[in-house]
Amino acid sequence: MRAHLTMQARDSIEFNGTDDIKVKAFASDRDSNLTSDEAVADMLAASIHHRMTSSDGKNQTPFLDGLIRRVQDTTRC
């Protein structure tokens, strides 16, 4: 999982071509791939903060869309 996030970060405009961008936090909608014991252990070992939307609640997609929009706006500045 961490390797996948690192590869995705290489497509970022902040990637300088030499040093990998370290993922420090991400948000998800409680996907089973991200809540498995192996994924949680990997996140704890890498000190990655995982914010999950509430379970059995209303659609939390607007929260994630807003979060992505804020990150993109910040990186553009």
N, C-alpha and C. Protein backbone atom coordinates (compact mmCIF):
# COMPACT_ATOMS: atom_id res chain seq x y z
N MET A 1 0.82 -1.18 0.00
CA MET A 1 0.00 0.00 0.00
C MET A 1 0.88 1.26 0.00
N ARG A 2 1.87 1.29 0.85
CA ARG A 2 2.74 2.46 0.94
C ARG A 2 3.47 2.68 -0.38
N ALA A 3 3.88 1.58 -1.02
CA ALA A 3 4.57 1.69 -2.31
C ALA A 3 3.64 2.28 -3.37
N HIS A 4 2.38 1.88 -3.33
CA HIS A 4 1.40 2.42 -4.28
C HIS A 4 1.21 3.92 -4.06
N LEU A 5 1.09 4.34 -2.80
CA LEU A 5 0.93 5.76 -2.51
C LEU A 5 2.16 6.56 -2.94
N THR A 6 3.34 5.98 -2.76
CA THR A 6 4.57 6.66 -3.16
C THR A 6 4.62 6.80 -4.68
N MET A 7 4.21 5.75 -5.41
CA MET A 7 4.20 5.83 -6.86
C MET A 7 3.21 6.87 -7.35
N GLN A 8 2.05 6.95 -6.69
CA GLN A 8 1.06 7.96 -7.06
C GLN A 8 1.58 9.36 -6.78
N ALA A 9 2.34 9.52 -5.69
CA ALA A 9 2.88 10.83 -5.34
C ALA A 9 3.93 11.30 -6.35
N ARG A 10 4.52 10.37 -7.08
CA ARG A 10 5.51 10.75 -8.11
C ARG A 10 4.87 11.52 -9.25
N ASP A 11 3.55 11.40 -9.42
CA ASP A 11 2.84 12.15 -10.44
C ASP A 11 2.50 13.56 -9.97
N SER A 12 2.79 13.85 -8.72
CA SER A 12 2.49 15.16 -8.14
C SER A 12 3.41 16.23 -8.70
N ILE A 13 2.93 17.47 -8.71
CA ILE A 13 3.77 18.57 -9.18
C ILE A 13 4.87 18.88 -8.17
N GLU A 14 4.74 18.38 -6.94
CA GLU A 14 5.76 18.62 -5.92
C GLU A 14 6.94 17.65 -6.02
N PHE A 15 6.83 16.65 -6.86
CA PHE A 15 7.91 15.66 -6.99
C PHE A 15 9.07 16.30 -7.75
N ASN A 16 10.24 16.31 -7.14
CA ASN A 16 11.39 16.98 -7.75
C ASN A 16 12.26 16.05 -8.60
N GLY A 17 11.88 14.80 -8.72
CA GLY A 17 12.60 13.86 -9.57
C GLY A 17 13.62 13.01 -8.85
N THR A 18 13.98 13.36 -7.62
CA THR A 18 14.98 12.57 -6.91
C THR A 18 14.46 12.01 -5.60
N ASP A 19 13.87 12.83 -4.78
CA ASP A 19 13.41 12.38 -3.46
C ASP A 19 11.94 12.03 -3.50
N ASP A 20 11.59 10.84 -2.98
CA ASP A 20 10.19 10.45 -2.92
C ASP A 20 9.43 11.31 -1.91
N ILE A 21 8.18 11.59 -2.23
CA ILE A 21 7.31 12.33 -1.32
C ILE A 21 6.81 11.35 -0.27
N LYS A 22 6.94 11.69 0.97
CA LYS A 22 6.49 10.81 2.05
C LYS A 22 5.02 11.12 2.35
N VAL A 23 4.19 10.08 2.32
CA VAL A 23 2.77 10.23 2.63
C VAL A 23 2.64 10.26 4.13
N LYS A 24 2.02 11.32 4.66
CA LYS A 24 1.87 11.46 6.11
C LYS A 24 0.45 11.22 6.58
N ALA A 25 -0.52 11.43 5.69
CA ALA A 25 -1.93 11.24 6.07
C ALA A 25 -2.76 11.07 4.81
N PHE A 26 -3.87 10.36 4.95
CA PHE A 26 -4.83 10.29 3.87
C PHE A 26 -6.20 9.97 4.45
N ALA A 27 -7.23 10.22 3.66
CA ALA A 27 -8.61 9.97 4.09
C ALA A 27 -9.23 8.95 3.17
N SER A 28 -10.08 8.11 3.72
CA SER A 28 -10.76 7.10 2.90
C SER A 28 -12.16 6.88 3.45
N ASP A 29 -12.92 6.11 2.70
CA ASP A 29 -14.30 5.80 3.09
C ASP A 29 -14.43 4.40 3.68
N ARG A 30 -13.44 4.00 4.48
CA ARG A 30 -13.43 2.71 5.17
C ARG A 30 -13.37 1.52 4.20
N ASP A 31 -12.60 1.67 3.15
CA ASP A 31 -12.40 0.59 2.20
C ASP A 31 -11.75 -0.58 2.93
N SER A 32 -12.19 -1.79 2.64
CA SER A 32 -11.68 -2.97 3.36
C SER A 32 -10.19 -3.18 3.09
N ASN A 33 -9.68 -2.73 1.95
CA ASN A 33 -8.25 -2.86 1.67
C ASN A 33 -7.42 -1.97 2.59
N LEU A 34 -8.00 -0.89 3.09
CA LEU A 34 -7.28 0.06 3.93
C LEU A 34 -7.53 -0.17 5.41
N THR A 35 -8.45 -1.04 5.76
CA THR A 35 -8.73 -1.31 7.16
C THR A 35 -8.31 -2.71 7.59
N SER A 36 -7.67 -3.45 6.69
CA SER A 36 -7.21 -4.79 7.04
C SER A 36 -6.08 -4.70 8.06
N ASP A 37 -5.84 -5.78 8.76
CA ASP A 37 -4.78 -5.81 9.77
C ASP A 37 -3.41 -5.47 9.16
N GLU A 38 -3.17 -6.00 7.96
CA GLU A 38 -1.89 -5.75 7.29
C GLU A 38 -1.73 -4.26 6.94
N ALA A 39 -2.80 -3.66 6.41
CA ALA A 39 -2.73 -2.24 6.04
C ALA A 39 -2.57 -1.36 7.27
N VAL A 40 -3.28 -1.67 8.33
CA VAL A 40 -3.17 -0.88 9.56
C VAL A 40 -1.76 -0.99 10.15
N ALA A 41 -1.20 -2.20 10.15
CA ALA A 41 0.16 -2.38 10.66
C ALA A 41 1.17 -1.60 9.82
N ASP A 42 0.97 -1.60 8.51
CA ASP A 42 1.86 -0.85 7.61
C ASP A 42 1.76 0.66 7.87
N MET A 43 0.53 1.15 8.08
CA MET A 43 0.35 2.58 8.36
C MET A 43 0.97 2.96 9.70
N LEU A 44 0.81 2.12 10.70
CA LEU A 44 1.41 2.42 12.00
C LEU A 44 2.93 2.42 11.92
N ALA A 45 3.49 1.48 11.19
CA ALA A 45 4.94 1.41 11.06
C ALA A 45 5.50 2.63 10.33
N ALA A 46 4.71 3.17 9.39
CA ALA A 46 5.17 4.32 8.61
C ALA A 46 4.70 5.65 9.20
N SER A 47 4.01 5.61 10.33
CA SER A 47 3.46 6.81 10.98
C SER A 47 2.55 7.60 10.04
N ILE A 48 1.68 6.89 9.34
CA ILE A 48 0.71 7.52 8.44
C ILE A 48 -0.62 7.63 9.18
N HIS A 49 -1.17 8.83 9.21
CA HIS A 49 -2.47 9.05 9.86
C HIS A 49 -3.57 8.73 8.85
N HIS A 50 -4.50 7.86 9.24
CA HIS A 50 -5.60 7.46 8.36
C HIS A 50 -6.90 7.98 8.93
N ARG A 51 -7.49 8.95 8.26
CA ARG A 51 -8.78 9.48 8.69
C ARG A 51 -9.86 8.78 7.88
N MET A 52 -10.79 8.17 8.60
CA MET A 52 -11.87 7.45 7.94
C MET A 52 -13.18 8.19 8.15
N THR A 53 -14.02 8.16 7.14
CA THR A 53 -15.33 8.77 7.28
C THR A 53 -16.17 7.88 8.20
N SER A 54 -17.25 8.41 8.73
CA SER A 54 -18.06 7.66 9.69
C SER A 54 -18.79 6.52 8.99
N SER A 55 -18.90 5.41 9.70
CA SER A 55 -19.59 4.25 9.13
C SER A 55 -21.09 4.38 9.35
N ASP A 56 -21.85 3.76 8.47
CA ASP A 56 -23.31 3.75 8.54
C ASP A 56 -23.89 5.15 8.62
N GLY A 57 -23.21 6.09 8.06
CA GLY A 57 -23.70 7.46 8.05
C GLY A 57 -24.12 7.86 6.66
N LYS A 58 -24.41 9.13 6.52
CA LYS A 58 -24.78 9.62 5.19
C LYS A 58 -23.55 9.61 4.30
N ASN A 59 -23.76 9.88 3.05
CA ASN A 59 -22.66 9.88 2.09
C ASN A 59 -21.63 10.93 2.48
N GLN A 60 -20.39 10.52 2.64
CA GLN A 60 -19.32 11.41 3.07
C GLN A 60 -18.46 11.89 1.91
N THR A 61 -18.89 11.60 0.69
CA THR A 61 -18.11 12.00 -0.47
C THR A 61 -17.86 13.50 -0.51
N PRO A 62 -18.82 14.37 -0.14
CA PRO A 62 -18.52 15.80 -0.15
C PRO A 62 -17.33 16.16 0.75
N PHE A 63 -17.18 15.48 1.87
CA PHE A 63 -16.03 15.72 2.74
C PHE A 63 -14.73 15.41 2.02
N LEU A 64 -14.68 14.23 1.39
CA LEU A 64 -13.47 13.84 0.67
C LEU A 64 -13.21 14.75 -0.52
N ASP A 65 -14.28 15.13 -1.24
CA ASP A 65 -14.11 16.04 -2.38
C ASP A 65 -13.58 17.39 -1.91
N GLY A 66 -14.09 17.89 -0.80
CA GLY A 66 -13.60 19.16 -0.25
C GLY A 66 -12.15 19.06 0.19
N LEU A 67 -11.79 17.94 0.79
CA LEU A 67 -10.41 17.72 1.23
C LEU A 67 -9.46 17.70 0.03
N ILE A 68 -9.85 16.99 -1.01
CA ILE A 68 -9.02 16.93 -2.22
C ILE A 68 -8.90 18.32 -2.85
N ARG A 69 -10.01 19.06 -2.89
CA ARG A 69 -9.98 20.41 -3.46
C ARG A 69 -9.05 21.32 -2.68
N ARG A 70 -9.08 21.24 -1.34
CA ARG A 70 -8.20 22.08 -0.52
C ARG A 70 -6.73 21.74 -0.74
N VAL A 71 -6.43 20.44 -0.84
CA VAL A 71 -5.04 20.03 -1.09
C VAL A 71 -4.58 20.53 -2.45
N GLN A 72 -5.42 20.39 -3.47
CA GLN A 72 -5.04 20.85 -4.79
C GLN A 72 -4.87 22.35 -4.83
N ASP A 73 -5.74 23.10 -4.16
CA ASP A 73 -5.60 24.56 -4.12
C ASP A 73 -4.31 24.96 -3.42
N THR A 74 -3.99 24.27 -2.34
CA THR A 74 -2.76 24.59 -1.60
C THR A 74 -1.53 24.30 -2.45
N THR A 75 -1.53 23.18 -3.16
CA THR A 75 -0.36 22.83 -3.96
C THR A 75 -0.21 23.76 -5.17
N ARG A 76 -1.32 24.29 -5.67
CA ARG A 76 -1.22 25.24 -6.78
C ARG A 76 -0.61 26.55 -6.35
N CYS A 77 -0.85 26.95 -5.11
CA CYS A 77 -0.30 28.22 -4.61
C CYS A 77 1.16 28.06 -4.42
